[in-house]
Amino acid sequence: MRIGIDMMGGDFAPLETTLGAIQARKELDPRYTLVLIGNESEIREIFRQHHADESGFVFVNTSQVIGMADHPTKAFQQKTDSSIAVGFHLLKEKKIDAFASAGNTGAMMVGSMFAVKPVQGILRPAISSIIPKEDGGVGIILDVGINADCKPEVMQQFAILGSIFAENVYHINNPKIGLMSIGEEDEKGNILTKESHQLIKTTPNINFIGNLEGRDMFNNRADVIVCDGFTGNVMLKLAESFYSLIRKRGIHDEYFDRFDFENYGGTPVLGVNSTVIIAHGISNAKAIKNMILLSKEVAEAGLAEKISKALADTPVSEQLPK
């Protein structure tokens, strides 16, 4: 397996991306190759300074960088020799099996949509986030930002995507799917959640347990929380703010330490035809290492094939309200 890494993406690239790749290499089996995409001379100099072994790596030199402030679509189209554009070209041509970046999220989404493209039948790809559960396990919430406005059939697909992701990457058997609303009763919520509830509960092969409330985010009622990207992003940022407050107040707690994004590395773009991983722009070496390890897990899970089969078993047109 060949995992491509955008070495120029992120606030601390290429130093932290290079150190993270070196750390990941030590934890990976020799059959995995890390393809480092970026300014080759800068990357090799970091290897030299840290006396790192270059075996197990392939270097792909690029001359351009898509910055965090660049317009995603324009930059992707105009900076064709950027690390992100080249990475997606390699992914499209199947010269790498996964591509991961802590760079411009918008450009990564553009590449996902137009280079590797969504799985047939997917209306909107989604991104998720890991939620530490109070019982020691993990949960998944999606979408968390790229789909601020959703239709019920999109929410139905989020339930399918989340279920497949939870079962095949985090090995949660028959994951419980919950819909975020303002009350547990079926009839509670706005128009979107009410119609989404009706769709999801009729979806085959989904262990739907009904509506959730905000207080259920960290308990064990559901393994996957489904919501529109606006709601998911607000909930995620609120959780992050509590973690920041606790750190600032000098409180050390084993449970809240699990909120540190560095532990998870990134999140896959769910619903596209290959493995694309997006990481936080402020990722350090530890986060980059975990981003690469997550890329391996997602690629090996074969999510695109499983999602395609699930959609074939659940045609959206047949699930719409009459």
C-alpha atoms as a PDB file:
ATOM      1  CA  MET A   1       0.000   0.000   0.000  1.00  0.00           C
ATOM      2  CA  ARG A   2       1.195   3.500  -0.887  1.00  0.00           C
ATOM      3  CA  ILE A   3       0.004   6.394   1.289  1.00  0.00           C
ATOM      4  CA  GLY A   4       0.433   9.888  -0.146  1.00  0.00           C
ATOM      5  CA  ILE A   5       1.046  12.809   2.220  1.00  0.00           C
ATOM      6  CA  ASP A   6       0.806  16.516   1.479  1.00  0.00           C
ATOM      7  CA  MET A   7       4.086  17.615   3.051  1.00  0.00           C
ATOM      8  CA  MET A   8       3.436  21.327   2.504  1.00  0.00           C
ATOM      9  CA  GLY A   9      -0.035  21.473   4.087  1.00  0.00           C
ATOM     10  CA  GLY A  10      -0.555  22.877   7.575  1.00  0.00           C
ATOM     11  CA  ASP A  11       0.713  25.758   9.665  1.00  0.00           C
ATOM     12  CA  PHE A  12       3.941  23.980  10.605  1.00  0.00           C
ATOM     13  CA  ALA A  13       4.829  22.300   7.318  1.00  0.00           C
ATOM     14  CA  PRO A  14       7.123  20.885   6.166  1.00  0.00           C
ATOM     15  CA  LEU A  15       8.889  20.363   9.512  1.00  0.00           C
ATOM     16  CA  GLU A  16       6.019  18.782  11.469  1.00  0.00           C
ATOM     17  CA  THR A  17       4.679  16.855   8.473  1.00  0.00           C
ATOM     18  CA  THR A  18       8.137  15.380   7.896  1.00  0.00           C
ATOM     19  CA  LEU A  19       8.673  14.483  11.553  1.00  0.00           C
ATOM     20  CA  GLY A  20       5.194  12.951  11.679  1.00  0.00           C
ATOM     21  CA  ALA A  21       5.905  10.865   8.591  1.00  0.00           C
ATOM     22  CA  ILE A  22       9.165   9.639  10.144  1.00  0.00           C
ATOM     23  CA  GLN A  23       7.288   8.646  13.313  1.00  0.00           C
ATOM     24  CA  ALA A  24       4.555   6.864  11.327  1.00  0.00           C
ATOM     25  CA  ARG A  25       7.135   4.958   9.286  1.00  0.00           C
ATOM     26  CA  LYS A  26       8.471   3.401  12.509  1.00  0.00           C
ATOM     27  CA  GLU A  27       5.005   2.053  13.364  1.00  0.00           C
ATOM     28  CA  LEU A  28       4.112   0.731   9.921  1.00  0.00           C
ATOM     29  CA  ASP A  29       4.884  -2.653   8.435  1.00  0.00           C
ATOM     30  CA  PRO A  30       7.569  -2.548   5.685  1.00  0.00           C
ATOM     31  CA  ARG A  31       4.926  -3.355   3.056  1.00  0.00           C
ATOM     32  CA  TYR A  32       3.571   0.199   3.420  1.00  0.00           C
ATOM     33  CA  THR A  33       5.268   2.970   1.424  1.00  0.00           C
ATOM     34  CA  LEU A  34       4.905   6.629   2.361  1.00  0.00           C
ATOM     35  CA  VAL A  35       4.862   8.946  -0.649  1.00  0.00           C
ATOM     36  CA  LEU A  36       6.019  12.405   0.440  1.00  0.00           C
ATOM     37  CA  ILE A  37       4.634  15.082  -1.884  1.00  0.00           C
ATOM     38  CA  GLY A  38       6.178  18.531  -1.626  1.00  0.00           C
ATOM     39  CA  ASN A  39       9.441  20.469  -1.816  1.00  0.00           C
ATOM     40  CA  GLU A  40      11.882  17.576  -1.975  1.00  0.00           C
ATOM     41  CA  SER A  41      15.010  19.520  -1.039  1.00  0.00           C
ATOM     42  CA  GLU A  42      13.398  20.955   2.105  1.00  0.00           C
ATOM     43  CA  ILE A  43      12.040  17.568   3.143  1.00  0.00           C
ATOM     44  CA  ARG A  44      15.328  15.755   2.592  1.00  0.00           C
ATOM     45  CA  GLU A  45      17.153  18.444   4.592  1.00  0.00           C
ATOM     46  CA  ILE A  46      14.873  17.744   7.576  1.00  0.00           C
ATOM     47  CA  PHE A  47      15.622  14.036   7.203  1.00  0.00           C
ATOM     48  CA  ARG A  48      19.344  14.861   7.231  1.00  0.00           C
ATOM     49  CA  GLN A  49      19.084  17.123  10.280  1.00  0.00           C
ATOM     50  CA  HIS A  50      17.267  14.418  12.257  1.00  0.00           C
ATOM     51  CA  HIS A  51      19.454  11.554  10.976  1.00  0.00           C
ATOM     52  CA  ALA A  52      16.349   9.785   9.660  1.00  0.00           C
ATOM     53  CA  ASP A  53      16.460   6.741   7.393  1.00  0.00           C
ATOM     54  CA  GLU A  54      14.892   7.421   3.966  1.00  0.00           C
ATOM     55  CA  SER A  55      14.066   3.785   3.245  1.00  0.00           C
ATOM     56  CA  GLY A  56      10.342   3.139   2.978  1.00  0.00           C
ATOM     57  CA  PHE A  57       9.732   6.617   1.555  1.00  0.00           C
ATOM     58  CA  VAL A  58       9.206   7.889  -1.990  1.00  0.00           C
ATOM     59  CA  PHE A  59       9.765  11.601  -2.699  1.00  0.00           C
ATOM     60  CA  VAL A  60       7.601  13.456  -5.240  1.00  0.00           C
ATOM     61  CA  ASN A  61       8.868  16.981  -5.818  1.00  0.00           C
ATOM     62  CA  THR A  62       6.404  19.856  -6.287  1.00  0.00           C
ATOM     63  CA  SER A  63       7.035  23.559  -6.816  1.00  0.00           C
ATOM     64  CA  GLN A  64       3.812  25.152  -5.579  1.00  0.00           C
ATOM     65  CA  VAL A  65       1.790  25.333  -2.358  1.00  0.00           C
ATOM     66  CA  ILE A  66      -1.926  25.964  -1.854  1.00  0.00           C
ATOM     67  CA  GLY A  67      -2.013  28.211   1.189  1.00  0.00           C
ATOM     68  CA  MET A  68      -4.689  28.300   3.853  1.00  0.00           C
ATOM     69  CA  ALA A  69      -5.946  31.657   2.575  1.00  0.00           C
ATOM     70  CA  ASP A  70      -6.093  30.631  -1.094  1.00  0.00           C
ATOM     71  CA  HIS A  71      -9.453  30.306  -2.823  1.00  0.00           C
ATOM     72  CA  PRO A  72      -9.936  26.511  -2.934  1.00  0.00           C
ATOM     73  CA  THR A  73     -11.299  26.092  -6.459  1.00  0.00           C
ATOM     74  CA  LYS A  74      -9.080  28.691  -8.125  1.00  0.00           C
ATOM     75  CA  ALA A  75      -5.957  27.459  -6.364  1.00  0.00           C
ATOM     76  CA  PHE A  76      -6.657  23.822  -7.223  1.00  0.00           C
ATOM     77  CA  GLN A  77      -7.129  24.715 -10.880  1.00  0.00           C
ATOM     78  CA  GLN A  78      -4.254  27.199 -11.177  1.00  0.00           C
ATOM     79  CA  LYS A  79      -1.597  25.632  -8.938  1.00  0.00           C
ATOM     80  CA  THR A  80      -1.364  22.361 -10.804  1.00  0.00           C
ATOM     81  CA  ASP A  81       2.104  21.602  -9.405  1.00  0.00           C
ATOM     82  CA  SER A  82       1.022  22.122  -5.804  1.00  0.00           C
ATOM     83  CA  SER A  83       1.320  19.279  -3.321  1.00  0.00           C
ATOM     84  CA  ILE A  84      -2.478  18.987  -3.060  1.00  0.00           C
ATOM     85  CA  ALA A  85      -3.128  18.975  -6.825  1.00  0.00           C
ATOM     86  CA  VAL A  86      -0.327  16.488  -7.486  1.00  0.00           C
ATOM     87  CA  GLY A  87      -1.533  14.298  -4.623  1.00  0.00           C
ATOM     88  CA  PHE A  88      -5.020  14.070  -6.113  1.00  0.00           C
ATOM     89  CA  HIS A  89      -3.580  13.367  -9.556  1.00  0.00           C
ATOM     90  CA  LEU A  90      -1.644  10.424  -8.115  1.00  0.00           C
ATOM     91  CA  LEU A  91      -4.759   9.243  -6.273  1.00  0.00           C
ATOM     92  CA  LYS A  92      -6.908   9.473  -9.402  1.00  0.00           C
ATOM     93  CA  GLU A  93      -4.317   7.520 -11.395  1.00  0.00           C
ATOM     94  CA  LYS A  94      -4.201   4.906  -8.582  1.00  0.00           C
ATOM     95  CA  LYS A  95      -0.482   5.486  -8.057  1.00  0.00           C
ATOM     96  CA  ILE A  96      -1.263   5.935  -4.368  1.00  0.00           C
ATOM     97  CA  ASP A  97      -4.000   4.249  -2.326  1.00  0.00           C
ATOM     98  CA  ALA A  98      -4.729   7.132   0.053  1.00  0.00           C
ATOM     99  CA  PHE A  99      -4.003  10.849   0.254  1.00  0.00           C
ATOM    100  CA  ALA A 100      -3.828  12.842   3.493  1.00  0.00           C
ATOM    101  CA  SER A 101      -3.308  16.534   4.207  1.00  0.00           C
ATOM    102  CA  ALA A 102      -3.414  19.124   6.978  1.00  0.00           C
ATOM    103  CA  GLY A 103      -3.628  21.830   4.328  1.00  0.00           C
ATOM    104  CA  ASN A 104      -6.432  23.882   2.807  1.00  0.00           C
ATOM    105  CA  THR A 105      -9.648  21.982   3.650  1.00  0.00           C
ATOM    106  CA  GLY A 106     -11.570  23.609   0.824  1.00  0.00           C
ATOM    107  CA  ALA A 107      -8.980  22.545  -1.742  1.00  0.00           C
ATOM    108  CA  MET A 108      -9.064  19.014  -0.327  1.00  0.00           C
ATOM    109  CA  MET A 109     -12.837  18.956  -0.805  1.00  0.00           C
ATOM    110  CA  VAL A 110     -12.504  20.302  -4.356  1.00  0.00           C
ATOM    111  CA  GLY A 111     -10.051  17.522  -5.142  1.00  0.00           C
ATOM    112  CA  SER A 112     -12.318  14.944  -3.536  1.00  0.00           C
ATOM    113  CA  MET A 113     -15.328  16.075  -5.569  1.00  0.00           C
ATOM    114  CA  PHE A 114     -13.694  16.629  -8.948  1.00  0.00           C
ATOM    115  CA  ALA A 115     -10.616  14.379  -9.039  1.00  0.00           C
ATOM    116  CA  VAL A 116     -11.716  11.147  -7.351  1.00  0.00           C
ATOM    117  CA  LYS A 117     -15.465  12.037  -7.366  1.00  0.00           C
ATOM    118  CA  PRO A 118     -18.278  10.870  -5.071  1.00  0.00           C
ATOM    119  CA  VAL A 119     -19.418   7.254  -4.980  1.00  0.00           C
ATOM    120  CA  GLN A 120     -22.271   6.796  -7.440  1.00  0.00           C
ATOM    121  CA  GLY A 121     -25.502   7.704  -5.707  1.00  0.00           C
ATOM    122  CA  ILE A 122     -23.945   9.856  -2.979  1.00  0.00           C
ATOM    123  CA  LEU A 123     -25.690  13.224  -2.846  1.00  0.00           C
ATOM    124  CA  ARG A 124     -23.217  14.951  -0.507  1.00  0.00           C
ATOM    125  CA  PRO A 125     -19.939  13.563   0.879  1.00  0.00           C
ATOM    126  CA  ALA A 126     -19.524  14.186   4.595  1.00  0.00           C
ATOM    127  CA  ILE A 127     -16.840  14.626   7.201  1.00  0.00           C
ATOM    128  CA  SER A 128     -17.124  13.317  10.728  1.00  0.00           C
ATOM    129  CA  SER A 129     -15.484  13.767  14.089  1.00  0.00           C
ATOM    130  CA  ILE A 130     -14.645  11.347  16.880  1.00  0.00           C
ATOM    131  CA  ILE A 131     -16.485  11.879  20.158  1.00  0.00           C
ATOM    132  CA  PRO A 132     -14.898  10.397  23.317  1.00  0.00           C
ATOM    133  CA  LYS A 133     -17.587   8.521  25.232  1.00  0.00           C
ATOM    134  CA  GLU A 134     -17.791   8.593  29.015  1.00  0.00           C
ATOM    135  CA  ASP A 135     -17.590   4.778  29.135  1.00  0.00           C
ATOM    136  CA  GLY A 136     -14.154   4.812  27.476  1.00  0.00           C
ATOM    137  CA  GLY A 137     -15.306   4.102  23.923  1.00  0.00           C
ATOM    138  CA  VAL A 138     -15.656   6.435  20.974  1.00  0.00           C
ATOM    139  CA  GLY A 139     -18.571   7.714  18.969  1.00  0.00           C
ATOM    140  CA  ILE A 140     -18.876   9.427  15.602  1.00  0.00           C
ATOM    141  CA  ILE A 141     -20.769  12.573  14.693  1.00  0.00           C
ATOM    142  CA  LEU A 142     -21.476  13.643  11.112  1.00  0.00           C
ATOM    143  CA  ASP A 143     -21.678  15.947   9.319  1.00  0.00           C
ATOM    144  CA  VAL A 144     -19.485  18.478  11.124  1.00  0.00           C
ATOM    145  CA  GLY A 145     -19.212  21.349   8.708  1.00  0.00           C
ATOM    146  CA  ILE A 146     -19.191  20.865   4.959  1.00  0.00           C
ATOM    147  CA  ASN A 147     -22.976  20.503   4.586  1.00  0.00           C
ATOM    148  CA  ALA A 148     -24.553  23.352   6.533  1.00  0.00           C
ATOM    149  CA  ASP A 149     -27.886  22.913   4.737  1.00  0.00           C
ATOM    150  CA  CYS A 150     -29.243  19.415   4.201  1.00  0.00           C
ATOM    151  CA  LYS A 151     -32.270  17.600   2.866  1.00  0.00           C
ATOM    152  CA  PRO A 152     -33.750  14.522   4.539  1.00  0.00           C
ATOM    153  CA  GLU A 153     -32.345  12.105   1.945  1.00  0.00           C
ATOM    154  CA  VAL A 154     -28.860  13.527   2.605  1.00  0.00           C
ATOM    155  CA  MET A 155     -29.320  12.903   6.332  1.00  0.00           C
ATOM    156  CA  GLN A 156     -30.392   9.349   5.507  1.00  0.00           C
ATOM    157  CA  GLN A 157     -27.132   8.851   3.639  1.00  0.00           C
ATOM    158  CA  PHE A 158     -25.181  10.272   6.598  1.00  0.00           C
ATOM    159  CA  ALA A 159     -26.686   7.474   8.690  1.00  0.00           C
ATOM    160  CA  ILE A 160     -25.480   4.900   6.160  1.00  0.00           C
ATOM    161  CA  LEU A 161     -22.005   6.475   5.895  1.00  0.00           C
ATOM    162  CA  GLY A 162     -21.628   6.733   9.657  1.00  0.00           C
ATOM    163  CA  SER A 163     -22.735   3.150  10.221  1.00  0.00           C
ATOM    164  CA  ILE A 164     -20.251   1.759   7.679  1.00  0.00           C
ATOM    165  CA  PHE A 165     -17.419   3.939   9.004  1.00  0.00           C
ATOM    166  CA  ALA A 166     -18.050   2.975  12.641  1.00  0.00           C
ATOM    167  CA  GLU A 167     -18.268  -0.731  11.903  1.00  0.00           C
ATOM    168  CA  ASN A 168     -15.334  -1.071   9.509  1.00  0.00           C
ATOM    169  CA  VAL A 169     -12.774   1.392  10.911  1.00  0.00           C
ATOM    170  CA  TYR A 170     -13.616   1.546  14.616  1.00  0.00           C
ATOM    171  CA  HIS A 171     -14.921  -2.040  14.727  1.00  0.00           C
ATOM    172  CA  ILE A 172     -18.188  -1.190  16.489  1.00  0.00           C
ATOM    173  CA  ASN A 173     -20.505  -4.136  15.957  1.00  0.00           C
ATOM    174  CA  ASN A 174     -23.990  -3.170  14.705  1.00  0.00           C
ATOM    175  CA  PRO A 175     -23.484   0.526  15.593  1.00  0.00           C
ATOM    176  CA  LYS A 176     -26.416   2.362  17.116  1.00  0.00           C
ATOM    177  CA  ILE A 177     -27.483   5.340  14.991  1.00  0.00           C
ATOM    178  CA  GLY A 178     -29.134   8.350  16.607  1.00  0.00           C
ATOM    179  CA  LEU A 179     -30.572  11.535  15.087  1.00  0.00           C
ATOM    180  CA  MET A 180     -29.803  14.778  16.931  1.00  0.00           C
ATOM    181  CA  SER A 181     -32.985  16.667  17.742  1.00  0.00           C
ATOM    182  CA  ILE A 182     -34.593  18.706  20.544  1.00  0.00           C
ATOM    183  CA  GLY A 183     -36.428  15.802  22.119  1.00  0.00           C
ATOM    184  CA  GLU A 184     -36.439  12.002  22.189  1.00  0.00           C
ATOM    185  CA  GLU A 185     -39.984  11.647  20.870  1.00  0.00           C
ATOM    186  CA  ASP A 186     -40.374  10.837  17.166  1.00  0.00           C
ATOM    187  CA  GLU A 187     -42.451  13.944  16.527  1.00  0.00           C
ATOM    188  CA  LYS A 188     -39.939  16.367  18.094  1.00  0.00           C
ATOM    189  CA  GLY A 189     -37.689  18.611  16.012  1.00  0.00           C
ATOM    190  CA  ASN A 190     -37.810  20.898  13.017  1.00  0.00           C
ATOM    191  CA  ILE A 191     -39.030  19.941   9.545  1.00  0.00           C
ATOM    192  CA  LEU A 192     -35.622  18.528   8.588  1.00  0.00           C
ATOM    193  CA  THR A 193     -35.273  16.255  11.614  1.00  0.00           C
ATOM    194  CA  LYS A 194     -38.876  15.052  11.468  1.00  0.00           C
ATOM    195  CA  GLU A 195     -38.614  14.032   7.810  1.00  0.00           C
ATOM    196  CA  SER A 196     -35.113  12.630   8.313  1.00  0.00           C
ATOM    197  CA  HIS A 197     -36.400  10.517  11.194  1.00  0.00           C
ATOM    198  CA  GLN A 198     -39.041   8.944   8.967  1.00  0.00           C
ATOM    199  CA  LEU A 199     -36.466   8.123   6.271  1.00  0.00           C
ATOM    200  CA  ILE A 200     -33.775   6.734   8.533  1.00  0.00           C
ATOM    201  CA  LYS A 201     -36.113   4.463  10.483  1.00  0.00           C
ATOM    202  CA  THR A 202     -37.150   2.752   7.211  1.00  0.00           C
ATOM    203  CA  THR A 203     -33.565   2.308   5.995  1.00  0.00           C
ATOM    204  CA  PRO A 204     -32.514  -1.361   5.866  1.00  0.00           C
ATOM    205  CA  ASN A 205     -29.386  -2.586   7.668  1.00  0.00           C
ATOM    206  CA  ILE A 206     -29.317   0.478   9.958  1.00  0.00           C
ATOM    207  CA  ASN A 207     -29.619   0.080  13.740  1.00  0.00           C
ATOM    208  CA  PHE A 208     -31.596   3.290  14.250  1.00  0.00           C
ATOM    209  CA  ILE A 209     -32.430   3.982  17.892  1.00  0.00           C
ATOM    210  CA  GLY A 210     -34.353   7.237  17.323  1.00  0.00           C
ATOM    211  CA  ASN A 211     -33.832  10.835  18.352  1.00  0.00           C
ATOM    212  CA  LEU A 212     -31.087  12.104  20.638  1.00  0.00           C
ATOM    213  CA  GLU A 213     -30.759  15.290  22.640  1.00  0.00           C
ATOM    214  CA  GLY A 214     -27.622  17.348  23.141  1.00  0.00           C
ATOM    215  CA  ARG A 215     -27.047  15.752  26.553  1.00  0.00           C
ATOM    216  CA  ASP A 216     -26.598  12.388  24.808  1.00  0.00           C
ATOM    217  CA  MET A 217     -23.497  13.491  22.927  1.00  0.00           C
ATOM    218  CA  PHE A 218     -21.031  11.832  25.312  1.00  0.00           C
ATOM    219  CA  ASN A 219     -23.084   8.965  26.759  1.00  0.00           C
ATOM    220  CA  ASN A 220     -23.565   5.528  25.247  1.00  0.00           C
ATOM    221  CA  ARG A 221     -27.063   5.906  23.796  1.00  0.00           C
ATOM    222  CA  ALA A 222     -25.714   5.982  20.242  1.00  0.00           C
ATOM    223  CA  ASP A 223     -22.466   5.142  18.472  1.00  0.00           C
ATOM    224  CA  VAL A 224     -23.176   7.449  15.522  1.00  0.00           C
ATOM    225  CA  ILE A 225     -24.827  10.855  15.806  1.00  0.00           C
ATOM    226  CA  VAL A 226     -26.441  12.162  12.612  1.00  0.00           C
ATOM    227  CA  CYS A 227     -27.022  15.888  12.116  1.00  0.00           C
ATOM    228  CA  ASP A 228     -26.672  18.609   9.498  1.00  0.00           C
ATOM    229  CA  GLY A 229     -23.252  20.229   9.172  1.00  0.00           C
ATOM    230  CA  PHE A 230     -24.343  23.470  10.840  1.00  0.00           C
ATOM    231  CA  THR A 231     -25.497  21.696  14.000  1.00  0.00           C
ATOM    232  CA  GLY A 232     -22.543  19.309  14.000  1.00  0.00           C
ATOM    233  CA  ASN A 233     -19.983  22.069  13.678  1.00  0.00           C
ATOM    234  CA  VAL A 234     -21.525  24.068  16.540  1.00  0.00           C
ATOM    235  CA  MET A 235     -21.533  20.986  18.787  1.00  0.00           C
ATOM    236  CA  LEU A 236     -17.956  20.096  17.870  1.00  0.00           C
ATOM    237  CA  LYS A 237     -16.640  23.620  18.508  1.00  0.00           C
ATOM    238  CA  LEU A 238     -18.491  23.727  21.845  1.00  0.00           C
ATOM    239  CA  ALA A 239     -16.813  20.474  22.903  1.00  0.00           C
ATOM    240  CA  GLU A 240     -13.428  21.843  21.819  1.00  0.00           C
ATOM    241  CA  SER A 241     -14.025  24.996  23.869  1.00  0.00           C
ATOM    242  CA  PHE A 242     -14.612  22.956  27.031  1.00  0.00           C
ATOM    243  CA  TYR A 243     -11.339  21.128  26.441  1.00  0.00           C
ATOM    244  CA  SER A 244      -9.522  24.454  25.978  1.00  0.00           C
ATOM    245  CA  LEU A 245     -11.090  25.887  29.161  1.00  0.00           C
ATOM    246  CA  ILE A 246     -10.011  22.880  31.185  1.00  0.00           C
ATOM    247  CA  ARG A 247      -6.455  23.110  29.865  1.00  0.00           C
ATOM    248  CA  LYS A 248      -6.283  26.833  30.597  1.00  0.00           C
ATOM    249  CA  ARG A 249      -7.469  26.260  34.176  1.00  0.00           C
ATOM    250  CA  GLY A 250      -4.725  23.710  34.727  1.00  0.00           C
ATOM    251  CA  ILE A 251      -7.132  20.822  35.211  1.00  0.00           C
ATOM    252  CA  HIS A 252      -5.821  17.414  34.172  1.00  0.00           C
ATOM    253  CA  ASP A 253      -8.453  14.768  33.688  1.00  0.00           C
ATOM    254  CA  GLU A 254      -8.003  11.431  31.917  1.00  0.00           C
ATOM    255  CA  TYR A 255     -11.377  11.656  30.193  1.00  0.00           C
ATOM    256  CA  PHE A 256     -10.978  15.211  28.913  1.00  0.00           C
ATOM    257  CA  ASP A 257      -7.445  14.447  27.722  1.00  0.00           C
ATOM    258  CA  ARG A 258      -9.118  12.264  25.097  1.00  0.00           C
ATOM    259  CA  PHE A 259     -10.555  15.407  23.478  1.00  0.00           C
ATOM    260  CA  ASP A 260      -7.093  16.335  22.165  1.00  0.00           C
ATOM    261  CA  PHE A 261      -7.358  16.196  18.353  1.00  0.00           C
ATOM    262  CA  GLU A 262      -3.741  15.041  18.132  1.00  0.00           C
ATOM    263  CA  ASN A 263      -4.865  11.598  19.269  1.00  0.00           C
ATOM    264  CA  TYR A 264      -7.045  11.067  16.204  1.00  0.00           C
ATOM    265  CA  GLY A 265      -5.037  12.695  13.423  1.00  0.00           C
ATOM    266  CA  GLY A 266      -7.862  13.602  11.068  1.00  0.00           C
ATOM    267  CA  THR A 267     -11.087  12.489   9.449  1.00  0.00           C
ATOM    268  CA  PRO A 268     -11.906  10.816   6.135  1.00  0.00           C
ATOM    269  CA  VAL A 269     -14.074  12.375   3.470  1.00  0.00           C
ATOM    270  CA  LEU A 270     -16.880   9.838   3.505  1.00  0.00           C
ATOM    271  CA  GLY A 271     -18.657   9.010   0.270  1.00  0.00           C
ATOM    272  CA  VAL A 272     -15.891   9.501  -2.320  1.00  0.00           C
ATOM    273  CA  ASN A 273     -14.213   6.901  -4.512  1.00  0.00           C
ATOM    274  CA  SER A 274     -10.923   6.702  -2.660  1.00  0.00           C
ATOM    275  CA  THR A 275      -9.337   7.353   0.721  1.00  0.00           C
ATOM    276  CA  VAL A 276      -8.960  11.075   1.449  1.00  0.00           C
ATOM    277  CA  ILE A 277      -8.031  12.206   4.950  1.00  0.00           C
ATOM    278  CA  ILE A 278      -8.269  15.800   6.182  1.00  0.00           C
ATOM    279  CA  ALA A 279      -6.364  16.902   9.291  1.00  0.00           C
ATOM    280  CA  HIS A 280      -6.350  20.045  11.437  1.00  0.00           C
ATOM    281  CA  GLY A 281      -4.238  22.911  10.072  1.00  0.00           C
ATOM    282  CA  ILE A 282      -2.358  23.243  13.353  1.00  0.00           C
ATOM    283  CA  SER A 283      -1.341  19.582  13.370  1.00  0.00           C
ATOM    284  CA  ASN A 284       1.999  18.777  14.963  1.00  0.00           C
ATOM    285  CA  ALA A 285       4.128  15.685  14.343  1.00  0.00           C
ATOM    286  CA  LYS A 286       2.001  13.481  16.620  1.00  0.00           C
ATOM    287  CA  ALA A 287      -1.201  14.480  14.828  1.00  0.00           C
ATOM    288  CA  ILE A 288       0.427  13.924  11.421  1.00  0.00           C
ATOM    289  CA  LYS A 289       1.605  10.480  12.496  1.00  0.00           C
ATOM    290  CA  ASN A 290      -1.932   9.565  13.566  1.00  0.00           C
ATOM    291  CA  MET A 291      -3.334  11.026  10.329  1.00  0.00           C
ATOM    292  CA  ILE A 292      -1.125   8.625   8.372  1.00  0.00           C
ATOM    293  CA  LEU A 293      -2.076   5.645  10.540  1.00  0.00           C
ATOM    294  CA  LEU A 294      -5.764   6.516  10.091  1.00  0.00           C
ATOM    295  CA  SER A 295      -5.208   6.662   6.319  1.00  0.00           C
ATOM    296  CA  LYS A 296      -3.981   3.075   6.416  1.00  0.00           C
ATOM    297  CA  GLU A 297      -6.985   1.907   8.454  1.00  0.00           C
ATOM    298  CA  VAL A 298      -9.523   3.621   6.187  1.00  0.00           C
ATOM    299  CA  ALA A 299      -7.873   2.404   2.976  1.00  0.00           C
ATOM    300  CA  GLU A 300      -7.747  -1.167   4.222  1.00  0.00           C
ATOM    301  CA  ALA A 301     -11.416  -1.014   5.235  1.00  0.00           C
ATOM    302  CA  GLY A 302     -12.478  -0.500   1.599  1.00  0.00           C
ATOM    303  CA  LEU A 303     -15.169   2.004   2.558  1.00  0.00           C
ATOM    304  CA  ALA A 304     -15.932   3.146  -0.996  1.00  0.00           C
ATOM    305  CA  GLU A 305     -16.901  -0.371  -2.079  1.00  0.00           C
ATOM    306  CA  LYS A 306     -18.990  -0.963   1.040  1.00  0.00           C
ATOM    307  CA  ILE A 307     -20.749   2.400   0.655  1.00  0.00           C
ATOM    308  CA  SER A 308     -21.532   1.658  -2.990  1.00  0.00           C
ATOM    309  CA  LYS A 309     -23.090  -1.687  -2.047  1.00  0.00           C
ATOM    310  CA  ALA A 310     -25.096  -0.124   0.773  1.00  0.00           C
ATOM    311  CA  LEU A 311     -26.524   2.513  -1.549  1.00  0.00           C
ATOM    312  CA  ALA A 312     -27.448  -0.155  -4.079  1.00  0.00           C
ATOM    313  CA  ASP A 313     -29.448  -1.845  -1.315  1.00  0.00           C
ATOM    314  CA  THR A 314     -31.066   1.472  -0.319  1.00  0.00           C
ATOM    315  CA  PRO A 315     -32.080   3.505  -3.392  1.00  0.00           C
ATOM    316  CA  VAL A 316     -32.754   7.052  -2.181  1.00  0.00           C
ATOM    317  CA  SER A 317     -35.596   7.598  -4.629  1.00  0.00           C
ATOM    318  CA  GLU A 318     -37.517   4.743  -3.014  1.00  0.00           C
ATOM    319  CA  GLN A 319     -37.053   6.129   0.469  1.00  0.00           C
ATOM    320  CA  LEU A 320     -38.394   9.650  -0.062  1.00  0.00           C
ATOM    321  CA  PRO A 321     -41.599  10.594   1.759  1.00  0.00           C
ATOM    322  CA  LYS A 322     -44.742  10.241  -0.321  1.00  0.00           C
END
